[in-house]
Amino acid sequence: MKKIKYCCRNLKFGTKPVYKAMKEAFPELKHKKQDCLGSCKLCTKQCFVMIGKKKIVCEPTAKKLLKALRKEIG
């Protein structure tokens, strides 16, 4: 089972709707909010999440990130 990690600081930049939509659409996956994921330069510029321990998925908008995540999960 995959775990999706969300940076709490990045939620303020637009990933909050992605978090809510993914949690609703994929309740079988683990969704975890963390204070910081250590990608600070990326965090302030675009929306991103971490899948598993290392894979980062990022897009310029929350809508595109949601689409990319759905494609990644299948």
PDB file of N, CA and C in Angstrom:
ATOM      1  N   MET A   1       0.842  -1.186   0.000  1.00  0.00           N
ATOM      2  CA  MET A   1       0.000   0.000   0.000  1.00  0.00           C
ATOM      3  C   MET A   1       0.884   1.245   0.000  1.00  0.00           C
ATOM      4  N   LYS A   2       0.533   2.199  -0.807  1.00  0.00           N
ATOM      5  CA  LYS A   2       1.319   3.418  -0.909  1.00  0.00           C
ATOM      6  C   LYS A   2       0.923   4.416   0.167  1.00  0.00           C
ATOM      7  N   LYS A   3       1.891   5.235   0.544  1.00  0.00           N
ATOM      8  CA  LYS A   3       1.648   6.314   1.488  1.00  0.00           C
ATOM      9  C   LYS A   3       1.921   7.629   0.766  1.00  0.00           C
ATOM     10  N   ILE A   4       1.014   8.566   0.905  1.00  0.00           N
ATOM     11  CA  ILE A   4       1.191   9.880   0.302  1.00  0.00           C
ATOM     12  C   ILE A   4       1.404  10.881   1.423  1.00  0.00           C
ATOM     13  N   LYS A   5       2.516  11.606   1.341  1.00  0.00           N
ATOM     14  CA  LYS A   5       2.837  12.600   2.364  1.00  0.00           C
ATOM     15  C   LYS A   5       2.640  13.999   1.800  1.00  0.00           C
ATOM     16  N   TYR A   6       2.025  14.830   2.607  1.00  0.00           N
ATOM     17  CA  TYR A   6       1.743  16.213   2.236  1.00  0.00           C
ATOM     18  C   TYR A   6       2.481  17.136   3.196  1.00  0.00           C
ATOM     19  N   CYS A   7       3.128  18.141   2.666  1.00  0.00           N
ATOM     20  CA  CYS A   7       3.819  19.137   3.477  1.00  0.00           C
ATOM     21  C   CYS A   7       2.785  20.138   3.993  1.00  0.00           C
ATOM     22  N   CYS A   8       2.708  20.326   5.298  1.00  0.00           N
ATOM     23  CA  CYS A   8       1.733  21.262   5.871  1.00  0.00           C
ATOM     24  C   CYS A   8       1.958  22.694   5.388  1.00  0.00           C
ATOM     25  N   ARG A   9       3.191  23.040   5.159  1.00  0.00           N
ATOM     26  CA  ARG A   9       3.490  24.392   4.655  1.00  0.00           C
ATOM     27  C   ARG A   9       3.038  24.545   3.209  1.00  0.00           C
ATOM     28  N   ASN A  10       3.112  23.473   2.448  1.00  0.00           N
ATOM     29  CA  ASN A  10       2.683  23.516   1.057  1.00  0.00           C
ATOM     30  C   ASN A  10       1.158  23.511   0.947  1.00  0.00           C
ATOM     31  N   LEU A  11       0.465  23.038   1.965  1.00  0.00           N
ATOM     32  CA  LEU A  11      -1.000  23.071   1.958  1.00  0.00           C
ATOM     33  C   LEU A  11      -1.499  24.505   1.820  1.00  0.00           C
ATOM     34  N   LYS A  12      -0.750  25.435   2.407  1.00  0.00           N
ATOM     35  CA  LYS A  12      -1.108  26.860   2.324  1.00  0.00           C
ATOM     36  C   LYS A  12      -0.920  27.415   0.912  1.00  0.00           C
ATOM     37  N   PHE A  13      -0.046  26.772   0.132  1.00  0.00           N
ATOM     38  CA  PHE A  13       0.219  27.228  -1.232  1.00  0.00           C
ATOM     39  C   PHE A  13      -0.700  26.583  -2.266  1.00  0.00           C
ATOM     40  N   GLY A  14      -1.633  25.751  -1.820  1.00  0.00           N
ATOM     41  CA  GLY A  14      -2.603  25.231  -2.774  1.00  0.00           C
ATOM     42  C   GLY A  14      -2.856  23.740  -2.788  1.00  0.00           C
ATOM     43  N   THR A  15      -2.144  22.956  -1.998  1.00  0.00           N
ATOM     44  CA  THR A  15      -2.366  21.514  -2.057  1.00  0.00           C
ATOM     45  C   THR A  15      -3.476  21.024  -1.124  1.00  0.00           C
ATOM     46  N   LYS A  16      -4.076  21.925  -0.366  1.00  0.00           N
ATOM     47  CA  LYS A  16      -5.150  21.512   0.545  1.00  0.00           C
ATOM     48  C   LYS A  16      -6.315  20.851  -0.197  1.00  0.00           C
ATOM     49  N   PRO A  17      -6.792  21.409  -1.334  1.00  0.00           N
ATOM     50  CA  PRO A  17      -7.864  20.729  -2.074  1.00  0.00           C
ATOM     51  C   PRO A  17      -7.436  19.363  -2.610  1.00  0.00           C
ATOM     52  N   VAL A  18      -6.152  19.223  -2.933  1.00  0.00           N
ATOM     53  CA  VAL A  18      -5.621  17.941  -3.411  1.00  0.00           C
ATOM     54  C   VAL A  18      -5.675  16.918  -2.281  1.00  0.00           C
ATOM     55  N   TYR A  19      -5.273  17.332  -1.095  1.00  0.00           N
ATOM     56  CA  TYR A  19      -5.299  16.447   0.073  1.00  0.00           C
ATOM     57  C   TYR A  19      -6.723  15.947   0.324  1.00  0.00           C
ATOM     58  N   LYS A  20      -7.682  16.859   0.335  1.00  0.00           N
ATOM     59  CA  LYS A  20      -9.080  16.484   0.595  1.00  0.00           C
ATOM     60  C   LYS A  20      -9.632  15.570  -0.496  1.00  0.00           C
ATOM     61  N   ALA A  21      -9.366  15.897  -1.758  1.00  0.00           N
ATOM     62  CA  ALA A  21      -9.870  15.101  -2.881  1.00  0.00           C
ATOM     63  C   ALA A  21      -9.257  13.709  -2.903  1.00  0.00           C
ATOM     64  N   MET A  22      -7.966  13.612  -2.652  1.00  0.00           N
ATOM     65  CA  MET A  22      -7.290  12.311  -2.673  1.00  0.00           C
ATOM     66  C   MET A  22      -7.727  11.439  -1.500  1.00  0.00           C
ATOM     67  N   LYS A  23      -7.923  12.054  -0.358  1.00  0.00           N
ATOM     68  CA  LYS A  23      -8.357  11.297   0.820  1.00  0.00           C
ATOM     69  C   LYS A  23      -9.758  10.722   0.596  1.00  0.00           C
ATOM     70  N   GLU A  24     -10.583  11.482  -0.088  1.00  0.00           N
ATOM     71  CA  GLU A  24     -11.942  11.034  -0.386  1.00  0.00           C
ATOM     72  C   GLU A  24     -11.955   9.983  -1.498  1.00  0.00           C
ATOM     73  N   ALA A  25     -11.159  10.190  -2.539  1.00  0.00           N
ATOM     74  CA  ALA A  25     -11.149   9.288  -3.694  1.00  0.00           C
ATOM     75  C   ALA A  25     -10.402   7.979  -3.423  1.00  0.00           C
ATOM     76  N   PHE A  26      -9.377   8.031  -2.585  1.00  0.00           N
ATOM     77  CA  PHE A  26      -8.550   6.851  -2.309  1.00  0.00           C
ATOM     78  C   PHE A  26      -8.416   6.631  -0.801  1.00  0.00           C
ATOM     79  N   PRO A  27      -9.505   6.249  -0.122  1.00  0.00           N
ATOM     80  CA  PRO A  27      -9.429   6.054   1.336  1.00  0.00           C
ATOM     81  C   PRO A  27      -8.558   4.862   1.749  1.00  0.00           C
ATOM     82  N   GLU A  28      -8.288   3.958   0.810  1.00  0.00           N
ATOM     83  CA  GLU A  28      -7.470   2.782   1.140  1.00  0.00           C
ATOM     84  C   GLU A  28      -5.981   3.131   1.258  1.00  0.00           C
ATOM     85  N   LEU A  29      -5.571   4.282   0.730  1.00  0.00           N
ATOM     86  CA  LEU A  29      -4.174   4.717   0.832  1.00  0.00           C
ATOM     87  C   LEU A  29      -3.963   5.484   2.130  1.00  0.00           C
ATOM     88  N   LYS A  30      -2.723   5.506   2.582  1.00  0.00           N
ATOM     89  CA  LYS A  30      -2.396   6.283   3.776  1.00  0.00           C
ATOM     90  C   LYS A  30      -2.063   7.706   3.343  1.00  0.00           C
ATOM     91  N   HIS A  31      -2.724   8.667   3.949  1.00  0.00           N
ATOM     92  CA  HIS A  31      -2.494  10.084   3.665  1.00  0.00           C
ATOM     93  C   HIS A  31      -1.961  10.711   4.947  1.00  0.00           C
ATOM     94  N   LYS A  32      -0.758  11.263   4.871  1.00  0.00           N
ATOM     95  CA  LYS A  32      -0.139  11.806   6.069  1.00  0.00           C
ATOM     96  C   LYS A  32       0.327  13.233   5.828  1.00  0.00           C
ATOM     97  N   LYS A  33      -0.035  14.115   6.753  1.00  0.00           N
ATOM     98  CA  LYS A  33       0.440  15.492   6.703  1.00  0.00           C
ATOM     99  C   LYS A  33       1.644  15.604   7.640  1.00  0.00           C
ATOM    100  N   GLN A  34       2.711  16.190   7.116  1.00  0.00           N
ATOM    101  CA  GLN A  34       3.908  16.425   7.917  1.00  0.00           C
ATOM    102  C   GLN A  34       4.223  17.905   7.911  1.00  0.00           C
ATOM    103  N   ASP A  35       4.828  18.372   8.980  1.00  0.00           N
ATOM    104  CA  ASP A  35       5.149  19.786   9.081  1.00  0.00           C
ATOM    105  C   ASP A  35       6.053  20.231   7.940  1.00  0.00           C
ATOM    106  N   CYS A  36       7.076  19.426   7.630  1.00  0.00           N
ATOM    107  CA  CYS A  36       8.001  19.770   6.539  1.00  0.00           C
ATOM    108  C   CYS A  36       8.542  18.486   5.927  1.00  0.00           C
ATOM    109  N   LEU A  37       8.609  18.453   4.608  1.00  0.00           N
ATOM    110  CA  LEU A  37       9.155  17.281   3.911  1.00  0.00           C
ATOM    111  C   LEU A  37      10.582  17.509   3.431  1.00  0.00           C
ATOM    112  N   GLY A  38      11.136  18.674   3.732  1.00  0.00           N
ATOM    113  CA  GLY A  38      12.526  18.947   3.388  1.00  0.00           C
ATOM    114  C   GLY A  38      12.752  19.375   1.943  1.00  0.00           C
ATOM    115  N   SER A  39      11.708  19.766   1.258  1.00  0.00           N
ATOM    116  CA  SER A  39      11.829  20.250  -0.127  1.00  0.00           C
ATOM    117  C   SER A  39      11.428  21.718  -0.180  1.00  0.00           C
ATOM    118  N   CYS A  40      12.057  22.513   0.655  1.00  0.00           N
ATOM    119  CA  CYS A  40      11.644  23.904   0.850  1.00  0.00           C
ATOM    120  C   CYS A  40      11.707  24.760  -0.424  1.00  0.00           C
ATOM    121  N   LYS A  41      12.712  24.558  -1.247  1.00  0.00           N
ATOM    122  CA  LYS A  41      12.810  25.357  -2.475  1.00  0.00           C
ATOM    123  C   LYS A  41      11.676  25.020  -3.427  1.00  0.00           C
ATOM    124  N   LEU A  42      11.288  23.769  -3.460  1.00  0.00           N
ATOM    125  CA  LEU A  42      10.180  23.322  -4.299  1.00  0.00           C
ATOM    126  C   LEU A  42       8.852  23.772  -3.702  1.00  0.00           C
ATOM    127  N   CYS A  43       8.761  23.725  -2.399  1.00  0.00           N
ATOM    128  CA  CYS A  43       7.531  24.005  -1.666  1.00  0.00           C
ATOM    129  C   CYS A  43       6.977  25.402  -1.938  1.00  0.00           C
ATOM    130  N   THR A  44       7.841  26.384  -2.034  1.00  0.00           N
ATOM    131  CA  THR A  44       7.383  27.762  -2.213  1.00  0.00           C
ATOM    132  C   THR A  44       7.038  28.099  -3.665  1.00  0.00           C
ATOM    133  N   LYS A  45       7.398  27.216  -4.595  1.00  0.00           N
ATOM    134  CA  LYS A  45       7.194  27.509  -6.010  1.00  0.00           C
ATOM    135  C   LYS A  45       6.050  26.764  -6.661  1.00  0.00           C
ATOM    136  N   GLN A  46       5.756  25.543  -6.207  1.00  0.00           N
ATOM    137  CA  GLN A  46       4.682  24.770  -6.821  1.00  0.00           C
ATOM    138  C   GLN A  46       4.102  23.755  -5.856  1.00  0.00           C
ATOM    139  N   CYS A  47       3.022  23.144  -6.259  1.00  0.00           N
ATOM    140  CA  CYS A  47       2.346  22.141  -5.443  1.00  0.00           C
ATOM    141  C   CYS A  47       3.066  20.799  -5.585  1.00  0.00           C
ATOM    142  N   PHE A  48       3.253  20.100  -4.463  1.00  0.00           N
ATOM    143  CA  PHE A  48       3.921  18.803  -4.540  1.00  0.00           C
ATOM    144  C   PHE A  48       3.472  17.885  -3.409  1.00  0.00           C
ATOM    145  N   VAL A  49       3.677  16.602  -3.612  1.00  0.00           N
ATOM    146  CA  VAL A  49       3.481  15.575  -2.588  1.00  0.00           C
ATOM    147  C   VAL A  49       4.603  14.561  -2.734  1.00  0.00           C
ATOM    148  N   MET A  50       4.777  13.755  -1.690  1.00  0.00           N
ATOM    149  CA  MET A  50       5.772  12.696  -1.739  1.00  0.00           C
ATOM    150  C   MET A  50       5.039  11.360  -1.666  1.00  0.00           C
ATOM    151  N   ILE A  51       5.360  10.488  -2.603  1.00  0.00           N
ATOM    152  CA  ILE A  51       4.765   9.154  -2.614  1.00  0.00           C
ATOM    153  C   ILE A  51       5.830   8.182  -2.119  1.00  0.00           C
ATOM    154  N   GLY A  52       5.472   7.414  -1.116  1.00  0.00           N
ATOM    155  CA  GLY A  52       6.441   6.491  -0.524  1.00  0.00           C
ATOM    156  C   GLY A  52       7.497   7.260   0.242  1.00  0.00           C
ATOM    157  N   LYS A  53       8.744   6.823   0.101  1.00  0.00           N
ATOM    158  CA  LYS A  53       9.818   7.463   0.872  1.00  0.00           C
ATOM    159  C   LYS A  53      10.604   8.497   0.080  1.00  0.00           C
ATOM    160  N   LYS A  54      10.562   8.406  -1.263  1.00  0.00           N
ATOM    161  CA  LYS A  54      11.437   9.289  -2.035  1.00  0.00           C
ATOM    162  C   LYS A  54      10.795   9.957  -3.245  1.00  0.00           C
ATOM    163  N   LYS A  55       9.778   9.365  -3.835  1.00  0.00           N
ATOM    164  CA  LYS A  55       9.243   9.888  -5.089  1.00  0.00           C
ATOM    165  C   LYS A  55       8.427  11.162  -4.866  1.00  0.00           C
ATOM    166  N   ILE A  56       8.830  12.235  -5.538  1.00  0.00           N
ATOM    167  CA  ILE A  56       8.126  13.511  -5.434  1.00  0.00           C
ATOM    168  C   ILE A  56       7.378  13.766  -6.727  1.00  0.00           C
ATOM    169  N   VAL A  57       6.108  14.114  -6.590  1.00  0.00           N
ATOM    170  CA  VAL A  57       5.283  14.491  -7.731  1.00  0.00           C
ATOM    171  C   VAL A  57       4.949  15.962  -7.546  1.00  0.00           C
ATOM    172  N   CYS A  58       5.302  16.795  -8.532  1.00  0.00           N
ATOM    173  CA  CYS A  58       5.033  18.226  -8.413  1.00  0.00           C
ATOM    174  C   CYS A  58       4.457  18.771  -9.711  1.00  0.00           C
ATOM    175  N   GLU A  59       3.609  19.761  -9.557  1.00  0.00           N
ATOM    176  CA  GLU A  59       2.970  20.432 -10.685  1.00  0.00           C
ATOM    177  C   GLU A  59       2.772  21.898 -10.317  1.00  0.00           C
ATOM    178  N   PRO A  60       2.631  22.770 -11.305  1.00  0.00           N
ATOM    179  CA  PRO A  60       2.484  24.199 -11.008  1.00  0.00           C
ATOM    180  C   PRO A  60       1.143  24.571 -10.354  1.00  0.00           C
ATOM    181  N   THR A  61       0.106  23.750 -10.554  1.00  0.00           N
ATOM    182  CA  THR A  61      -1.198  24.044  -9.955  1.00  0.00           C
ATOM    183  C   THR A  61      -1.745  22.808  -9.246  1.00  0.00           C
ATOM    184  N   ALA A  62      -2.666  23.044  -8.328  1.00  0.00           N
ATOM    185  CA  ALA A  62      -3.282  21.942  -7.580  1.00  0.00           C
ATOM    186  C   ALA A  62      -4.075  21.026  -8.505  1.00  0.00           C
ATOM    187  N   LYS A  63      -4.736  21.606  -9.484  1.00  0.00           N
ATOM    188  CA  LYS A  63      -5.542  20.819 -10.430  1.00  0.00           C
ATOM    189  C   LYS A  63      -4.660  19.845 -11.215  1.00  0.00           C
ATOM    190  N   LYS A  64      -3.519  20.329 -11.683  1.00  0.00           N
ATOM    191  CA  LYS A  64      -2.590  19.478 -12.430  1.00  0.00           C
ATOM    192  C   LYS A  64      -1.957  18.425 -11.526  1.00  0.00           C
ATOM    193  N   LEU A  65      -1.711  18.779 -10.270  1.00  0.00           N
ATOM    194  CA  LEU A  65      -1.147  17.821  -9.325  1.00  0.00           C
ATOM    195  C   LEU A  65      -2.133  16.697  -9.056  1.00  0.00           C
ATOM    196  N   LEU A  66      -3.381  17.026  -8.898  1.00  0.00           N
ATOM    197  CA  LEU A  66      -4.409  16.012  -8.672  1.00  0.00           C
ATOM    198  C   LEU A  66      -4.494  15.059  -9.855  1.00  0.00           C
ATOM    199  N   LYS A  67      -4.435  15.605 -11.060  1.00  0.00           N
ATOM    200  CA  LYS A  67      -4.474  14.787 -12.278  1.00  0.00           C
ATOM    201  C   LYS A  67      -3.245  13.864 -12.355  1.00  0.00           C
ATOM    202  N   ALA A  68      -2.082  14.394 -12.022  1.00  0.00           N
ATOM    203  CA  ALA A  68      -0.843  13.602 -12.050  1.00  0.00           C
ATOM    204  C   ALA A  68      -0.872  12.490 -11.006  1.00  0.00           C
ATOM    205  N   LEU A  69      -1.416  12.779  -9.830  1.00  0.00           N
ATOM    206  CA  LEU A  69      -1.508  11.773  -8.772  1.00  0.00           C
ATOM    207  C   LEU A  69      -2.460  10.643  -9.157  1.00  0.00           C
ATOM    208  N   ARG A  70      -3.590  10.995  -9.740  1.00  0.00           N
ATOM    209  CA  ARG A  70      -4.540   9.968 -10.177  1.00  0.00           C
ATOM    210  C   ARG A  70      -3.918   9.074 -11.236  1.00  0.00           C
ATOM    211  N   LYS A  71      -3.141   9.669 -12.127  1.00  0.00           N
ATOM    212  CA  LYS A  71      -2.462   8.887 -13.170  1.00  0.00           C
ATOM    213  C   LYS A  71      -1.398   7.981 -12.542  1.00  0.00           C
ATOM    214  N   GLU A  72      -0.674   8.512 -11.561  1.00  0.00           N
ATOM    215  CA  GLU A  72       0.383   7.751 -10.879  1.00  0.00           C
ATOM    216  C   GLU A  72      -0.187   6.549 -10.125  1.00  0.00           C
ATOM    217  N   ILE A  73      -1.316   6.745  -9.473  1.00  0.00           N
ATOM    218  CA  ILE A  73      -1.916   5.683  -8.679  1.00  0.00           C
ATOM    219  C   ILE A  73      -2.635   4.668  -9.563  1.00  0.00           C
ATOM    220  N   GLY A  74      -3.243   5.177 -10.614  1.00  0.00           N
ATOM    221  CA  GLY A  74      -3.866   4.275 -11.569  1.00  0.00           C
ATOM    222  C   GLY A  74      -5.318   4.176 -11.476  1.00  0.00           C
TER     223      GLY A  74
END
